[in-house]
Amino acid sequence: MTFKPCIDECTKDGSHCAGCGRSHQEIAETKQLVKTAVEFIRAQQYDNPEDFVAAISRSILKKLSKPVE
């Protein structure tokens, strides 16, 4: 499956957004993931949140490139 980001044409009818095509469950879980990351960054009081987000992105991509154990 290919990720499709929000295009600001959100709908709440049915099981999927007509704008991006993602399921409403996926959208809700993504929002929760972002909320958790924002809360963590604020709790740590990082002055450079962009560096933290970039580091997390690199770490996730590195882990995804490894075979599933």
C-alpha atoms as a PDB file:
ATOM      1  CA  MET A   1       0.000   0.000   0.000  1.00  0.00           C
ATOM      2  CA  THR A   2       1.262   3.480  -0.806  1.00  0.00           C
ATOM      3  CA  PHE A   3       0.833   6.237   1.779  1.00  0.00           C
ATOM      4  CA  LYS A   4      -1.180   9.207   0.564  1.00  0.00           C
ATOM      5  CA  PRO A   5      -0.910  12.383   2.645  1.00  0.00           C
ATOM      6  CA  CYS A   6      -3.847  14.630   3.459  1.00  0.00           C
ATOM      7  CA  ILE A   7      -4.803  16.998   0.644  1.00  0.00           C
ATOM      8  CA  ASP A   8      -7.213  19.084   2.757  1.00  0.00           C
ATOM      9  CA  GLU A   9     -10.298  17.596   1.102  1.00  0.00           C
ATOM     10  CA  CYS A  10     -11.339  15.534   4.127  1.00  0.00           C
ATOM     11  CA  THR A  11     -14.577  13.586   4.297  1.00  0.00           C
ATOM     12  CA  LYS A  12     -16.006  11.570   7.160  1.00  0.00           C
ATOM     13  CA  ASP A  13     -18.559   9.491   5.216  1.00  0.00           C
ATOM     14  CA  GLY A  14     -18.014   5.768   4.735  1.00  0.00           C
ATOM     15  CA  SER A  15     -14.909   3.951   5.895  1.00  0.00           C
ATOM     16  CA  HIS A  16     -12.355   5.989   3.914  1.00  0.00           C
ATOM     17  CA  CYS A  17     -11.658   9.674   3.297  1.00  0.00           C
ATOM     18  CA  ALA A  18     -12.587  10.662  -0.248  1.00  0.00           C
ATOM     19  CA  GLY A  19      -9.734  13.199  -0.267  1.00  0.00           C
ATOM     20  CA  CYS A  20      -6.706  11.035   0.521  1.00  0.00           C
ATOM     21  CA  GLY A  21      -8.268   7.564   0.342  1.00  0.00           C
ATOM     22  CA  ARG A  22      -6.957   6.484   3.737  1.00  0.00           C
ATOM     23  CA  SER A  23      -9.244   4.712   6.188  1.00  0.00           C
ATOM     24  CA  HIS A  24     -10.641   6.825   8.983  1.00  0.00           C
ATOM     25  CA  GLN A  25      -9.014   4.397  11.434  1.00  0.00           C
ATOM     26  CA  GLU A  26      -5.581   4.963   9.834  1.00  0.00           C
ATOM     27  CA  ILE A  27      -6.095   8.722   9.976  1.00  0.00           C
ATOM     28  CA  ALA A  28      -7.095   8.553  13.660  1.00  0.00           C
ATOM     29  CA  GLU A  29      -4.086   6.378  14.531  1.00  0.00           C
ATOM     30  CA  THR A  30      -1.736   8.707  12.639  1.00  0.00           C
ATOM     31  CA  LYS A  31      -3.155  11.712  14.492  1.00  0.00           C
ATOM     32  CA  GLN A  32      -2.576   9.892  17.799  1.00  0.00           C
ATOM     33  CA  LEU A  33       1.006   9.055  16.797  1.00  0.00           C
ATOM     34  CA  VAL A  34       1.699  12.712  15.965  1.00  0.00           C
ATOM     35  CA  LYS A  35       0.031  13.886  19.182  1.00  0.00           C
ATOM     36  CA  THR A  36       2.217  11.513  21.215  1.00  0.00           C
ATOM     37  CA  ALA A  37       5.374  12.733  19.461  1.00  0.00           C
ATOM     38  CA  VAL A  38       4.424  16.390  20.049  1.00  0.00           C
ATOM     39  CA  GLU A  39       3.724  15.717  23.735  1.00  0.00           C
ATOM     40  CA  PHE A  40       7.111  13.975  24.061  1.00  0.00           C
ATOM     41  CA  ILE A  41       8.958  16.861  22.363  1.00  0.00           C
ATOM     42  CA  ARG A  42       7.219  19.386  24.609  1.00  0.00           C
ATOM     43  CA  ALA A  43       7.950  17.336  27.752  1.00  0.00           C
ATOM     44  CA  GLN A  44      11.635  17.188  26.789  1.00  0.00           C
ATOM     45  CA  GLN A  45      11.586  20.931  26.019  1.00  0.00           C
ATOM     46  CA  TYR A  46      13.682  20.449  22.898  1.00  0.00           C
ATOM     47  CA  ASP A  47      14.862  23.712  21.328  1.00  0.00           C
ATOM     48  CA  ASN A  48      15.429  21.882  18.032  1.00  0.00           C
ATOM     49  CA  PRO A  49      12.358  19.709  17.393  1.00  0.00           C
ATOM     50  CA  GLU A  50      13.173  19.497  13.680  1.00  0.00           C
ATOM     51  CA  ASP A  51      16.400  17.636  14.529  1.00  0.00           C
ATOM     52  CA  PHE A  52      14.516  15.202  16.769  1.00  0.00           C
ATOM     53  CA  VAL A  53      11.910  14.522  14.069  1.00  0.00           C
ATOM     54  CA  ALA A  54      14.649  14.008  11.455  1.00  0.00           C
ATOM     55  CA  ALA A  55      16.500  11.598  13.762  1.00  0.00           C
ATOM     56  CA  ILE A  56      13.329   9.612  14.440  1.00  0.00           C
ATOM     57  CA  SER A  57      12.621   9.470  10.711  1.00  0.00           C
ATOM     58  CA  ARG A  58      16.101   8.094   9.999  1.00  0.00           C
ATOM     59  CA  SER A  59      15.758   5.561  12.807  1.00  0.00           C
ATOM     60  CA  ILE A  60      12.375   4.333  11.586  1.00  0.00           C
ATOM     61  CA  LEU A  61      13.577   3.997   7.989  1.00  0.00           C
ATOM     62  CA  LYS A  62      16.691   2.118   9.149  1.00  0.00           C
ATOM     63  CA  LYS A  63      14.588  -0.323  11.166  1.00  0.00           C
ATOM     64  CA  LEU A  64      12.170  -0.806   8.250  1.00  0.00           C
ATOM     65  CA  SER A  65      15.073  -1.739   5.964  1.00  0.00           C
ATOM     66  CA  LYS A  66      15.991  -4.675   8.206  1.00  0.00           C
ATOM     67  CA  PRO A  67      14.247  -8.044   7.835  1.00  0.00           C
ATOM     68  CA  VAL A  68      11.429  -8.747  10.270  1.00  0.00           C
ATOM     69  CA  GLU A  69      12.662 -10.896  13.139  1.00  0.00           C
END
